[in-house]
Amino acid sequence: MAFFFGTVDFFEREILNHSAKSPLGISTEDKMYKKYKTLQRELLHDFVCDEKIRKDCLVNLDFAYRNLAGQDYLSGLNGPSFHKGSQCS
C-alpha cells in the first residue's frame, strides 16, 4: 500500500518504522517522540513548499503522533486538515 507524503498515514508509518529500527533499551515512547521532533524540525526548516502545505503537514504530523502515543488527540485539534488518504501537496 502506498502512502502519500504529508498524510496522517505517512507520518504514522514513519514514526513506527523508526521505533522498530531504533536500538533496544530506549522506550517506544522516547523513540516515537524523537522521530516526531525530527520530522517536525525537517518540516519547519528543510522542507521547501508553500506555507499552507507546511502547516497542513505539521497538523497531520501532530495528529499522527498523538494518535500513536495514545493521547486524546482531539483536544486542542479539530483533527487533520484533510482525510487520512489525502496528500499534503
C-alpha atoms as a PDB file:
ATOM      1  CA  MET A   1       0.000   0.000   0.000  1.00  0.00           C
ATOM      2  CA  ALA A   2       1.357   3.392  -0.982  1.00  0.00           C
ATOM      3  CA  PHE A   3       1.270   6.314   1.409  1.00  0.00           C
ATOM      4  CA  PHE A   4       1.469   9.850   0.112  1.00  0.00           C
ATOM      5  CA  PHE A   5       3.831  12.293   1.748  1.00  0.00           C
ATOM      6  CA  GLY A   6       2.144  14.501   4.297  1.00  0.00           C
ATOM      7  CA  THR A   7      -0.803  12.278   5.140  1.00  0.00           C
ATOM      8  CA  VAL A   8      -1.512  11.098   8.662  1.00  0.00           C
ATOM      9  CA  ASP A   9      -0.862   7.523   7.459  1.00  0.00           C
ATOM     10  CA  PHE A  10       2.530   8.533   6.092  1.00  0.00           C
ATOM     11  CA  PHE A  11       3.635  10.136   9.330  1.00  0.00           C
ATOM     12  CA  GLU A  12       2.324   7.221  11.425  1.00  0.00           C
ATOM     13  CA  ARG A  13       4.323   4.804   9.270  1.00  0.00           C
ATOM     14  CA  GLU A  14       7.483   6.923   9.523  1.00  0.00           C
ATOM     15  CA  ILE A  15       7.233   7.115  13.313  1.00  0.00           C
ATOM     16  CA  LEU A  16       6.521   3.375  13.678  1.00  0.00           C
ATOM     17  CA  ASN A  17       9.323   2.363  11.290  1.00  0.00           C
ATOM     18  CA  HIS A  18      11.798   4.477  13.239  1.00  0.00           C
ATOM     19  CA  SER A  19      10.623   2.962  16.538  1.00  0.00           C
ATOM     20  CA  ALA A  20      11.083  -0.562  15.193  1.00  0.00           C
ATOM     21  CA  LYS A  21      14.621   0.125  13.914  1.00  0.00           C
ATOM     22  CA  SER A  22      15.951   2.053  16.899  1.00  0.00           C
ATOM     23  CA  PRO A  23      18.317   0.433  19.404  1.00  0.00           C
ATOM     24  CA  LEU A  24      16.953  -1.604  22.265  1.00  0.00           C
ATOM     25  CA  GLY A  25      16.952  -0.079  25.710  1.00  0.00           C
ATOM     26  CA  ILE A  26      15.097   3.040  24.671  1.00  0.00           C
ATOM     27  CA  SER A  27      11.386   3.176  25.418  1.00  0.00           C
ATOM     28  CA  THR A  28       8.987   3.130  22.487  1.00  0.00           C
ATOM     29  CA  GLU A  29       7.549   6.453  23.635  1.00  0.00           C
ATOM     30  CA  ASP A  30      11.009   8.048  23.565  1.00  0.00           C
ATOM     31  CA  LYS A  31      11.690   6.629  20.089  1.00  0.00           C
ATOM     32  CA  MET A  32       8.375   7.899  18.779  1.00  0.00           C
ATOM     33  CA  TYR A  33       8.913  11.338  20.308  1.00  0.00           C
ATOM     34  CA  LYS A  34      12.420  11.583  18.863  1.00  0.00           C
ATOM     35  CA  LYS A  35      11.173  10.786  15.348  1.00  0.00           C
ATOM     36  CA  TYR A  36       8.235  13.187  15.779  1.00  0.00           C
ATOM     37  CA  LYS A  37      10.606  16.026  16.711  1.00  0.00           C
ATOM     38  CA  THR A  38      12.947  15.163  13.820  1.00  0.00           C
ATOM     39  CA  LEU A  39      10.106  15.235  11.300  1.00  0.00           C
ATOM     40  CA  GLN A  40       8.770  18.445  12.812  1.00  0.00           C
ATOM     41  CA  ARG A  41      12.188  20.126  12.565  1.00  0.00           C
ATOM     42  CA  GLU A  42      12.579  18.975   8.946  1.00  0.00           C
ATOM     43  CA  LEU A  43       9.167  20.330   8.004  1.00  0.00           C
ATOM     44  CA  LEU A  44       9.872  23.650   9.695  1.00  0.00           C
ATOM     45  CA  HIS A  45      13.411  24.209   8.408  1.00  0.00           C
ATOM     46  CA  ASP A  46      14.267  21.935   5.466  1.00  0.00           C
ATOM     47  CA  PHE A  47      11.069  21.298   3.540  1.00  0.00           C
ATOM     48  CA  VAL A  48      10.636  23.834   0.732  1.00  0.00           C
ATOM     49  CA  CYS A  49       6.967  24.346  -0.041  1.00  0.00           C
ATOM     50  CA  ASP A  50       4.010  26.686   0.174  1.00  0.00           C
ATOM     51  CA  GLU A  51       3.279  27.800   3.746  1.00  0.00           C
ATOM     52  CA  LYS A  52      -0.242  26.310   3.665  1.00  0.00           C
ATOM     53  CA  ILE A  53       1.179  22.901   2.736  1.00  0.00           C
ATOM     54  CA  ARG A  54       3.753  23.182   5.534  1.00  0.00           C
ATOM     55  CA  LYS A  55       1.028  23.970   8.071  1.00  0.00           C
ATOM     56  CA  ASP A  56      -1.150  21.112   6.809  1.00  0.00           C
ATOM     57  CA  CYS A  57       1.770  18.699   7.101  1.00  0.00           C
ATOM     58  CA  LEU A  58       2.576  19.891  10.626  1.00  0.00           C
ATOM     59  CA  VAL A  59      -1.051  19.397  11.688  1.00  0.00           C
ATOM     60  CA  ASN A  60      -1.071  15.898  10.195  1.00  0.00           C
ATOM     61  CA  LEU A  61       2.244  15.056  11.870  1.00  0.00           C
ATOM     62  CA  ASP A  62       0.912  16.223  15.218  1.00  0.00           C
ATOM     63  CA  PHE A  63      -2.293  14.248  14.714  1.00  0.00           C
ATOM     64  CA  ALA A  64      -0.333  11.103  13.795  1.00  0.00           C
ATOM     65  CA  TYR A  65       1.985  11.389  16.799  1.00  0.00           C
ATOM     66  CA  ARG A  66      -0.838  11.971  19.258  1.00  0.00           C
ATOM     67  CA  ASN A  67      -2.767   9.087  17.738  1.00  0.00           C
ATOM     68  CA  LEU A  68       0.183   6.706  18.128  1.00  0.00           C
ATOM     69  CA  ALA A  69       1.047   7.978  21.584  1.00  0.00           C
ATOM     70  CA  GLY A  70      -2.495   7.160  22.724  1.00  0.00           C
ATOM     71  CA  GLN A  71      -3.217  10.716  23.785  1.00  0.00           C
ATOM     72  CA  ASP A  72      -6.563  12.397  23.371  1.00  0.00           C
ATOM     73  CA  TYR A  73      -5.566  13.883  20.043  1.00  0.00           C
ATOM     74  CA  LEU A  74      -8.890  15.636  19.561  1.00  0.00           C
ATOM     75  CA  SER A  75      -8.306  18.017  22.455  1.00  0.00           C
ATOM     76  CA  GLY A  76      -6.766  21.111  21.013  1.00  0.00           C
ATOM     77  CA  LEU A  77      -7.114  19.813  17.476  1.00  0.00           C
ATOM     78  CA  ASN A  78     -10.057  19.529  15.176  1.00  0.00           C
ATOM     79  CA  GLY A  79      -8.458  16.537  13.507  1.00  0.00           C
ATOM     80  CA  PRO A  80      -6.215  16.541  10.473  1.00  0.00           C
ATOM     81  CA  SER A  81      -6.690  19.252   7.924  1.00  0.00           C
ATOM     82  CA  PHE A  82      -7.640  16.628   5.363  1.00  0.00           C
ATOM     83  CA  HIS A  83      -8.641  12.985   5.349  1.00  0.00           C
ATOM     84  CA  LYS A  84      -6.200  10.194   6.129  1.00  0.00           C
ATOM     85  CA  GLY A  85      -5.799   9.279   2.474  1.00  0.00           C
ATOM     86  CA  SER A  86      -5.295  12.839   1.233  1.00  0.00           C
ATOM     87  CA  GLN A  87      -1.967  14.191   0.114  1.00  0.00           C
ATOM     88  CA  CYS A  88      -0.191  17.101   1.707  1.00  0.00           C
ATOM     89  CA  SER A  89       0.540  18.701  -1.648  1.00  0.00           C
END
